[in-house]
Amino acid sequence: MIMRQIFFFFLILFMDTAAHAGATVSYTDRLNRTVDIPVPVQRVVFLQMYELLPAMDVWDKVVGVASYVYGVDIIRQVKPDIESYPSVGSGANVNIEAVMQLKPDLVITWAWDPAPIRFMEAKGIRVIAVYPASIGELFSVMQLMGQVFQREETLKTVMDEMNSIFSMIRERAGKRVEKEKRTMLYLGGKSNSVSCALGINHEIMTMIGGVNLAGSIQQQSTEVSLEQLVIWNPEVIFIWPSAGYTEQDILNNPQWRHIRAVRDGRVYKLPKESTWSPRLALAALWMAKKAYPEEYRDIDYVAMADGFYRKLFHIPYQPKATP
């Protein structure tokens, strides 16, 4: 009887392990393609969502990366030898031949240009295209990463930590009456490119209790005239961290001198990090502190960021900009 119980115990264990090893996850990506992904994946090219790597610690599954991964600060801290991983270009300019040579189980890229994605797919390469336009979509992609890399608990912790910060911001913003909300804009790669109603930037500006002056435009972003910027007259201006211009370029431009944010010196370029990252929560907190410093005097941003980094990435926070 005992031997029979032992036999069935190991049989069930074997079946469960085999089923788990042979499982697939179906995912409908941003291009409305349903992709079946074997779990766990063994060989992955990261052209996007690479800032999850320090938290997931699945370096043994990585066979290729986007070239700009080499310059990501937290990745260089966690993985000083990151350049030993082959570069395959970028999501916007992928070297498909290099990808094919790596024989990946999965390529994670962004949905900006469907053409190379379709081409890789035709060559038998499994590709998922992501473009999280909201925090909810970002969390959905994180959940997918948890499944395919078998890091569900790790990424649950990541999302819990992010939500803790988001909840604090929403609670403080919720106490603010409408007339106390500051008007703002989020500028993109060009100084006349503004984030509109669709996308994470608008969601964050709303979360921190601001009024996005371009929020009535049902696009992700658009270019507007300087005259329109003057008419809008924002109280606060944020700049995309990868933009090729600085706060000083705006503050010192005489054409902008009539805009209130410029007159008051409230133009802020975000620290350089990915929006599609756990660090989005810290970016939201940074923006909240800049927009409403009087309401966040009790928050030590550097200390909070350090705790966040140590818990999720297992490295200390090394500030690059004054918080």
Protein backbone atom coordinates (compact mmCIF):
# COMPACT_ATOMS: atom_id res chain seq x y z
CA MET A 1 0.00 0.00 0.00
CA ILE A 2 2.78 2.39 0.95
CA MET A 3 4.71 1.53 -2.22
CA ARG A 4 1.59 2.16 -4.27
CA GLN A 5 1.13 5.60 -2.67
CA ILE A 6 4.76 6.46 -3.35
CA PHE A 7 4.35 5.34 -6.96
CA PHE A 8 1.30 7.56 -7.52
CA PHE A 9 2.97 10.48 -5.74
CA PHE A 10 5.91 10.40 -8.16
CA LEU A 11 3.62 9.76 -11.13
CA ILE A 12 1.56 12.88 -10.31
CA LEU A 13 4.74 14.88 -9.71
CA PHE A 14 6.13 13.75 -13.07
CA MET A 15 2.89 14.55 -14.90
CA ASP A 16 2.66 17.98 -13.31
CA THR A 17 6.30 18.76 -14.18
CA ALA A 18 5.88 17.49 -17.74
CA ALA A 19 2.66 19.44 -18.22
CA HIS A 20 4.24 22.60 -16.86
CA ALA A 21 7.31 22.13 -19.02
CA GLY A 22 5.22 21.55 -22.11
CA ALA A 23 2.73 24.33 -21.47
CA THR A 24 2.09 27.26 -23.75
CA VAL A 25 0.81 30.75 -23.04
CA SER A 26 -1.36 32.44 -25.66
CA TYR A 27 -0.99 36.20 -25.89
CA THR A 28 -2.73 38.68 -28.18
CA ASP A 29 -0.26 41.46 -28.77
CA ARG A 30 -0.55 45.11 -29.79
CA LEU A 31 -0.81 44.16 -33.46
CA ASN A 32 -3.77 41.91 -32.64
CA ARG A 33 -1.70 38.79 -33.34
CA THR A 34 -2.27 35.77 -31.12
CA VAL A 35 1.10 34.24 -30.30
CA ASP A 36 1.54 30.87 -28.57
CA ILE A 37 4.62 30.96 -26.35
CA PRO A 38 6.21 27.79 -24.91
CA VAL A 39 6.78 27.90 -21.16
CA PRO A 40 9.38 28.33 -19.92
CA VAL A 41 11.18 30.12 -22.73
CA GLN A 42 14.88 29.31 -23.07
CA ARG A 43 16.30 31.74 -25.66
CA VAL A 44 14.97 35.30 -25.76
CA VAL A 45 15.91 38.50 -27.59
CA PHE A 46 14.95 41.65 -25.67
CA LEU A 47 14.28 44.66 -27.87
CA GLN A 48 11.78 45.99 -25.34
CA MET A 49 10.76 45.43 -21.68
CA TYR A 50 14.46 45.02 -20.88
CA GLU A 51 14.16 47.01 -17.63
CA LEU A 52 12.38 43.99 -16.16
CA LEU A 53 15.59 41.96 -16.44
CA PRO A 54 17.24 43.26 -13.23
CA ALA A 55 14.11 42.26 -11.28
CA MET A 56 13.47 38.91 -13.03
CA ASP A 57 17.14 37.78 -13.04
CA VAL A 58 16.73 35.53 -16.08
CA TRP A 59 20.03 36.34 -17.74
CA ASP A 60 20.58 32.69 -18.63
CA LYS A 61 17.58 33.00 -20.99
CA VAL A 62 18.84 36.13 -22.76
CA VAL A 63 20.62 35.57 -26.10
CA GLY A 64 20.39 39.04 -27.60
CA VAL A 65 19.46 42.63 -26.72
CA ALA A 66 18.77 45.99 -28.30
CA SER A 67 21.88 48.13 -28.67
CA TYR A 68 20.56 50.80 -26.30
CA VAL A 69 20.32 48.23 -23.49
CA TYR A 70 24.09 48.69 -23.10
CA GLY A 71 23.50 52.21 -21.83
CA VAL A 72 20.73 51.51 -19.31
CA ASP A 73 22.09 52.43 -15.88
CA ILE A 74 20.37 49.77 -13.78
CA ILE A 75 21.32 47.04 -16.25
CA ARG A 76 24.96 48.10 -16.19
CA GLN A 77 24.86 48.04 -12.39
CA VAL A 78 23.35 44.57 -12.25
CA LYS A 79 25.17 43.13 -15.26
CA PRO A 80 28.53 44.88 -15.82
CA ASP A 81 29.28 42.45 -18.65
CA ILE A 82 26.06 43.32 -20.52
CA GLU A 83 28.05 43.98 -23.69
CA SER A 84 28.89 40.28 -23.84
CA TYR A 85 25.29 39.77 -24.99
CA PRO A 86 24.99 40.28 -28.77
CA SER A 87 23.26 43.40 -30.02
CA VAL A 88 20.66 42.97 -32.76
CA GLY A 89 20.00 46.65 -33.44
CA SER A 90 16.89 48.20 -31.96
CA GLY A 91 13.13 47.86 -32.06
CA ALA A 92 13.06 50.60 -34.70
CA ASN A 93 15.96 49.16 -36.72
CA VAL A 94 16.32 45.46 -35.99
CA ASN A 95 19.01 43.35 -37.65
CA ILE A 96 16.84 40.38 -38.61
CA GLU A 97 19.77 38.31 -39.87
CA ALA A 98 21.47 38.69 -36.47
CA VAL A 99 18.24 37.67 -34.74
CA MET A 100 17.91 34.55 -36.92
CA GLN A 101 21.47 33.49 -36.12
CA LEU A 102 20.61 33.49 -32.40
CA LYS A 103 17.73 31.01 -32.94
CA PRO A 104 15.51 32.56 -30.25
CA ASP A 105 12.35 31.00 -28.80
CA LEU A 106 10.95 34.50 -28.47
CA VAL A 107 11.64 38.08 -29.52
CA ILE A 108 10.10 40.86 -27.42
CA THR A 109 9.84 44.11 -29.37
CA TRP A 110 7.64 47.15 -29.65
CA ALA A 111 4.78 47.60 -32.07
CA TRP A 112 6.01 50.80 -33.70
CA ASP A 113 6.76 49.22 -37.10
CA PRO A 114 4.84 46.05 -38.04
CA ALA A 115 6.95 45.33 -41.16
CA PRO A 116 10.04 43.72 -39.47
CA ILE A 117 7.72 41.88 -37.08
CA ARG A 118 5.79 40.34 -39.97
CA PHE A 119 9.06 39.49 -41.72
CA MET A 120 10.46 37.72 -38.65
CA GLU A 121 7.17 35.91 -38.21
CA ALA A 122 7.34 34.70 -41.83
CA LYS A 123 10.84 33.35 -41.10
CA GLY A 124 9.44 31.25 -38.27
CA ILE A 125 10.60 33.51 -35.44
CA ARG A 126 8.12 33.90 -32.58
CA VAL A 127 7.67 37.62 -31.88
CA ILE A 128 5.43 39.57 -29.53
CA ALA A 129 4.88 43.28 -30.13
CA VAL A 130 4.16 45.43 -27.09
CA TYR A 131 3.21 49.07 -26.72
CA PRO A 132 1.64 49.66 -23.29
CA ALA A 133 -0.58 52.73 -23.58
CA SER A 134 -1.66 52.62 -19.94
CA ILE A 135 -0.51 51.37 -16.57
CA GLY A 136 -3.05 48.56 -16.88
CA GLU A 137 -1.51 47.46 -20.19
CA LEU A 138 1.97 47.68 -18.71
CA PHE A 139 0.88 45.41 -15.86
CA SER A 140 -0.64 42.96 -18.37
CA VAL A 141 2.71 42.73 -20.15
CA MET A 142 4.46 42.24 -16.81
CA GLN A 143 2.07 39.42 -15.98
CA LEU A 144 2.88 37.81 -19.32
CA MET A 145 6.61 38.09 -18.59
CA GLY A 146 5.97 36.47 -15.22
CA GLN A 147 4.28 33.54 -16.92
CA VAL A 148 6.74 32.90 -19.73
CA PHE A 149 9.79 33.25 -17.47
CA GLN A 150 8.13 31.58 -14.47
CA ARG A 151 8.63 34.70 -12.37
CA GLU A 152 5.01 35.29 -11.39
CA GLU A 153 5.74 36.00 -7.73
CA THR A 154 8.67 38.26 -8.55
CA LEU A 155 6.61 40.42 -10.86
CA LYS A 156 3.67 40.43 -8.47
CA THR A 157 6.04 41.99 -5.94
CA VAL A 158 7.14 44.52 -8.56
CA MET A 159 3.55 45.51 -9.33
CA ASP A 160 2.67 45.67 -5.63
CA GLU A 161 5.55 48.07 -5.01
CA MET A 162 4.54 50.21 -7.96
CA ASN A 163 0.91 50.26 -6.84
CA SER A 164 1.96 51.30 -3.36
CA ILE A 165 3.54 54.45 -4.81
CA PHE A 166 0.66 55.08 -7.22
CA SER A 167 -1.85 54.77 -4.36
CA MET A 168 0.02 57.32 -2.25
CA ILE A 169 0.07 59.77 -5.18
CA ARG A 170 -3.64 59.26 -5.92
CA GLU A 171 -4.55 59.72 -2.26
CA ARG A 172 -2.73 63.05 -2.06
CA ALA A 173 -4.08 64.24 -5.41
CA GLY A 174 -7.60 63.29 -4.35
CA LYS A 175 -7.53 65.89 -1.58
CA ARG A 176 -6.91 68.68 -4.05
CA VAL A 177 -9.89 70.71 -5.26
CA GLU A 178 -10.26 71.40 -8.97
CA LYS A 179 -9.07 75.02 -8.83
CA GLU A 180 -5.84 73.91 -7.11
CA LYS A 181 -4.86 71.59 -9.95
CA ARG A 182 -1.90 72.91 -11.91
CA THR A 183 -1.92 73.01 -15.70
CA MET A 184 0.90 71.19 -17.41
CA LEU A 185 2.36 69.78 -20.60
CA TYR A 186 4.65 66.84 -21.34
CA LEU A 187 6.98 67.62 -24.24
CA GLY A 188 8.41 64.91 -26.47
CA GLY A 189 11.36 64.54 -28.82
CA LYS A 190 10.65 67.98 -30.24
CA SER A 191 9.88 70.92 -27.99
CA ASN A 192 6.58 71.49 -29.81
CA SER A 193 5.50 67.84 -29.50
CA VAL A 194 3.04 67.31 -26.65
CA SER A 195 1.54 64.20 -25.04
CA CYS A 196 -2.21 64.07 -25.59
CA ALA A 197 -5.12 62.04 -24.19
CA LEU A 198 -3.85 58.60 -25.17
CA GLY A 199 -0.90 57.09 -23.38
CA ILE A 200 0.85 56.69 -20.07
CA ASN A 201 2.14 60.27 -19.88
CA HIS A 202 -1.41 61.64 -19.80
CA GLU A 203 -2.38 59.02 -17.22
CA ILE A 204 0.49 60.05 -14.96
CA MET A 205 -0.26 63.77 -15.27
CA THR A 206 -3.86 63.06 -14.32
CA MET A 207 -2.78 60.78 -11.47
CA ILE A 208 -0.57 63.41 -9.85
CA GLY A 209 -3.50 65.83 -9.93
CA GLY A 210 -2.51 67.92 -12.91
CA VAL A 211 -4.46 69.14 -15.92
CA ASN A 212 -2.93 68.10 -19.22
CA LEU A 213 -3.67 71.05 -21.51
CA ALA A 214 -3.41 68.75 -24.54
CA GLY A 215 -5.70 66.20 -22.90
CA SER A 216 -8.66 66.96 -25.16
CA ILE A 217 -6.75 65.75 -28.23
CA GLN A 218 -7.53 62.08 -28.84
CA GLN A 219 -4.03 61.08 -29.93
CA GLN A 220 -0.93 59.84 -28.19
CA SER A 221 1.01 62.95 -29.18
CA THR A 222 0.94 65.79 -31.67
CA GLU A 223 2.98 68.77 -32.77
CA VAL A 224 1.58 72.22 -32.08
CA SER A 225 2.64 75.77 -32.83
CA LEU A 226 4.52 77.98 -30.40
CA GLU A 227 1.48 80.24 -30.47
CA GLN A 228 -0.63 77.38 -29.14
CA LEU A 229 1.86 76.73 -26.34
CA VAL A 230 1.67 80.42 -25.39
CA ILE A 231 -2.14 80.31 -25.45
CA TRP A 232 -2.16 77.22 -23.26
CA ASN A 233 0.32 78.92 -20.88
CA PRO A 234 1.08 75.86 -18.69
CA GLU A 235 2.16 76.27 -15.10
CA VAL A 236 4.47 73.24 -15.27
CA ILE A 237 6.34 71.68 -18.20
CA PHE A 238 7.86 68.20 -18.21
CA ILE A 239 10.29 66.98 -20.86
CA TRP A 240 10.70 63.41 -22.12
CA PRO A 241 13.99 62.09 -20.68
CA SER A 242 15.37 61.03 -24.09
CA ALA A 243 14.69 64.38 -25.76
CA GLY A 244 17.71 65.99 -27.37
CA TYR A 245 17.22 69.28 -25.55
CA THR A 246 17.34 70.37 -21.90
CA GLU A 247 15.37 72.50 -19.48
CA GLN A 248 17.84 75.30 -20.09
CA ASP A 249 17.15 75.25 -23.81
CA ILE A 250 13.52 76.06 -23.00
CA LEU A 251 14.21 78.46 -20.13
CA ASN A 252 16.76 80.44 -22.17
CA ASN A 253 14.67 80.64 -25.34
CA PRO A 254 13.22 84.17 -25.56
CA GLN A 255 10.28 82.86 -27.62
CA TRP A 256 9.08 80.97 -24.54
CA ARG A 257 9.49 83.80 -22.04
CA HIS A 258 5.77 84.62 -21.86
CA ILE A 259 4.83 81.09 -20.77
CA ARG A 260 4.21 80.90 -17.04
CA ALA A 261 6.21 77.69 -16.47
CA VAL A 262 9.22 79.38 -18.04
CA ARG A 263 8.77 82.62 -16.10
CA ASP A 264 8.50 80.65 -12.85
CA GLY A 265 11.37 78.28 -13.68
CA ARG A 266 9.11 75.22 -13.55
CA VAL A 267 10.46 73.28 -16.52
CA TYR A 268 11.72 69.79 -15.65
CA LYS A 269 13.41 67.10 -17.71
CA LEU A 270 12.72 63.66 -16.27
CA PRO A 271 15.56 61.34 -15.23
CA LYS A 272 16.56 59.14 -18.15
CA GLU A 273 14.79 55.83 -17.81
CA SER A 274 12.20 53.76 -19.62
CA THR A 275 8.49 54.43 -19.18
CA TRP A 276 7.75 50.72 -19.73
CA SER A 277 9.52 49.79 -16.55
CA PRO A 278 9.01 49.32 -12.82
CA ARG A 279 10.65 52.75 -12.56
CA LEU A 280 7.48 54.33 -13.97
CA ALA A 281 6.26 54.54 -10.38
CA LEU A 282 9.32 56.54 -9.37
CA ALA A 283 8.89 58.79 -12.43
CA ALA A 284 5.31 59.50 -11.30
CA LEU A 285 6.51 60.34 -7.79
CA TRP A 286 9.27 62.58 -9.22
CA MET A 287 6.70 64.44 -11.33
CA ALA A 288 4.33 64.79 -8.37
CA LYS A 289 7.11 66.30 -6.22
CA LYS A 290 8.05 68.75 -8.96
CA ALA A 291 4.45 69.79 -9.65
CA TYR A 292 3.41 70.05 -5.98
CA PRO A 293 6.58 70.39 -3.86
CA GLU A 294 4.62 71.85 -0.96
CA GLU A 295 2.57 68.65 -0.69
CA TYR A 296 5.56 66.31 -0.80
CA ARG A 297 7.94 67.93 1.66
CA ASP A 298 7.67 64.86 3.87
CA ILE A 299 8.78 62.53 1.08
CA ASP A 300 12.51 61.86 0.74
CA TYR A 301 12.62 60.86 -2.91
CA VAL A 302 16.18 59.54 -2.82
CA ALA A 303 15.47 57.37 0.24
CA MET A 304 12.27 56.01 -1.31
CA ALA A 305 13.97 55.32 -4.64
CA ASP A 306 16.83 53.59 -2.84
CA GLY A 307 14.43 51.29 -0.99
CA PHE A 308 12.62 50.57 -4.26
CA TYR A 309 15.86 49.72 -6.07
CA ARG A 310 17.18 47.52 -3.28
CA LYS A 311 13.95 45.54 -2.98
CA LEU A 312 13.30 45.03 -6.69
CA PHE A 313 16.68 45.28 -8.41
CA HIS A 314 18.97 44.40 -5.46
CA ILE A 315 21.19 47.43 -6.12
CA PRO A 316 21.42 50.90 -4.52
CA TYR A 317 19.84 53.92 -6.17
CA GLN A 318 22.39 56.18 -7.82
CA PRO A 319 20.70 59.52 -8.59
CA LYS A 320 21.72 61.26 -11.80
CA ALA A 321 19.57 64.33 -11.37
CA THR A 322 18.53 66.46 -8.44
CA PRO A 323 15.24 64.97 -7.18
